Protein backbone atom coordinates (compact mmCIF):
# COMPACT_ATOMS: atom_id res chain seq x y z
CA UNK A 1 -30.05 -0.18 33.77
CA UNK A 2 -33.38 -3.08 34.34
CA UNK A 3 -32.91 -6.36 32.98
CA UNK A 4 -29.83 -6.68 32.23
CA UNK A 5 -29.69 -10.25 32.11
CA UNK A 6 -32.59 -11.25 30.10
CA UNK A 7 -31.12 -9.51 27.15
CA UNK A 8 -29.73 -12.00 23.96
CA UNK A 9 -25.99 -12.64 23.88
CA UNK A 10 -24.09 -11.93 20.77
CA UNK A 11 -21.13 -14.33 20.15
CA UNK A 12 -18.18 -12.37 18.79
CA UNK A 13 -15.11 -14.84 17.59
CA UNK A 14 -12.51 -14.94 15.29
CA UNK A 15 -10.34 -17.35 13.62
CA UNK A 16 -7.37 -17.98 12.28
CA UNK A 17 -4.20 -19.87 12.60
CA UNK A 18 -0.80 -19.91 14.67
CA UNK A 19 2.46 -21.28 13.45
CA UNK A 20 4.57 -21.24 16.18
CA UNK A 21 3.10 -23.13 19.29
CA UNK A 22 4.92 -20.90 22.23
CA UNK A 23 2.89 -17.67 21.47
CA UNK A 24 -0.01 -19.58 21.34
CA UNK A 25 -1.95 -18.06 25.25
CA UNK A 26 0.20 -15.14 24.97
CA UNK A 27 -1.25 -14.39 21.55
CA UNK A 28 -4.93 -16.28 23.18
CA UNK A 29 -4.81 -12.73 25.53
CA UNK A 30 -4.42 -10.64 22.98
CA UNK A 31 -7.66 -11.71 20.36
CA UNK A 32 -9.82 -11.38 23.46
CA UNK A 33 -8.59 -7.59 24.38
CA UNK A 34 -9.48 -6.82 20.16
CA UNK A 35 -12.93 -9.39 20.28
CA UNK A 36 -13.65 -7.03 23.50
CA UNK A 37 -12.53 -3.70 21.64
CA UNK A 38 -14.20 -5.22 18.71
CA UNK A 39 -17.72 -5.90 20.78
CA UNK A 40 -17.16 -2.52 22.52
CA UNK A 41 -17.50 -0.33 19.30
CA UNK A 42 -20.75 -1.92 18.10
CA UNK A 43 -22.15 -1.37 21.77
CA UNK A 44 -21.94 -4.59 22.98
CA UNK A 45 -19.73 -5.22 26.72
CA UNK A 46 -18.73 -8.68 27.45
CA UNK A 47 -20.51 -11.42 30.19
CA UNK A 48 -17.71 -12.30 32.11
CA UNK A 49 -19.67 -14.67 34.48
CA UNK A 50 -19.44 -17.24 30.83
CA UNK A 51 -15.90 -17.96 29.96
CA UNK A 52 -14.43 -17.61 26.09
CA UNK A 53 -14.46 -20.18 24.12
CA UNK A 54 -11.47 -21.35 22.67
CA UNK A 55 -10.75 -24.48 20.83
CA UNK A 56 -7.24 -25.17 19.03
CA UNK A 57 -6.52 -28.79 16.35
CA UNK A 58 -3.41 -29.63 15.17
CA UNK A 59 -3.01 -29.46 10.78
CA UNK A 60 -0.50 -31.74 9.97
CA UNK A 61 -1.23 -30.68 6.04
CA UNK A 62 -0.41 -26.93 7.26
CA UNK A 63 1.90 -27.44 9.81
CA UNK A 64 -0.31 -24.88 12.24
CA UNK A 65 -2.42 -24.83 14.49
CA UNK A 66 -6.07 -23.52 13.78
CA UNK A 67 -7.84 -22.04 15.78
CA UNK A 68 -11.59 -20.27 17.08
CA UNK A 69 -12.17 -18.29 20.66
CA UNK A 70 -15.67 -16.83 21.06
CA UNK A 71 -16.58 -14.43 23.42
CA UNK A 72 -20.48 -13.70 24.41
CA UNK A 73 -21.79 -10.10 24.57
CA UNK A 74 -24.44 -8.24 26.07
CA UNK A 75 -25.62 -4.69 23.86
CA UNK A 76 -26.00 -1.71 26.11
CA UNK A 77 -25.40 0.98 23.85
CA UNK A 78 -21.78 3.07 22.72
CA UNK A 79 -21.93 5.37 25.55
CA UNK A 80 -22.93 3.01 28.21
CA UNK A 81 -20.33 0.45 26.48
CA UNK A 82 -16.92 3.06 27.38
CA UNK A 83 -17.57 2.90 30.93
CA UNK A 84 -18.77 -0.20 31.25
CA UNK A 85 -15.96 -3.40 32.04
CA UNK A 86 -18.83 -6.44 31.84
CA UNK A 87 -21.74 -7.85 32.83
CA UNK A 88 -21.25 -10.62 35.75
CA UNK A 89 -24.54 -12.66 35.74
CA UNK A 90 -27.50 -8.98 36.28
CA UNK A 91 -25.03 -6.77 38.13
CA UNK A 92 -23.29 -4.33 35.61
CA UNK A 93 -19.18 -4.28 37.33
CA UNK A 94 -17.89 -0.51 35.75
CA UNK A 95 -14.48 -0.13 34.36
CA UNK A 96 -12.64 1.15 37.48
CA UNK A 97 -10.74 4.33 37.85
CA UNK A 98 -6.96 4.33 38.17
CA UNK A 99 -6.34 6.06 41.00
CA UNK A 100 -2.60 6.87 39.84
CA UNK A 101 -4.45 8.94 36.66
CA UNK A 102 -6.36 10.64 39.05
CA UNK A 103 -4.01 11.54 41.36
CA UNK A 104 -2.30 12.96 38.26
CA UNK A 105 -4.55 14.90 37.05
CA UNK A 106 -5.01 16.76 40.60
CA UNK A 107 -1.39 17.89 40.59
CA UNK A 108 -1.71 19.83 37.52
């Protein structure tokens, strides 16, 4: 995969309301996972050297926190997105196979 670092970035984002501030950071992690899944289904992988943008503001009239989260991805194609964990600068980081699953399959 040549010149991966020169490919254009695409922003994947999600926004909404959080009504329980004690769940905010747990929800952030879940939303990141959701966005990455959506990204992969479209043939993109995350730029792991660019941190997600997560902004929160309190809305007194709604008694909740409004949030927006954005991640940056690079298009690699649907097939390649299945085995690439992410892009770190110009390096492709592959998804590592779970050693436990490999050992279990050898036993069967």
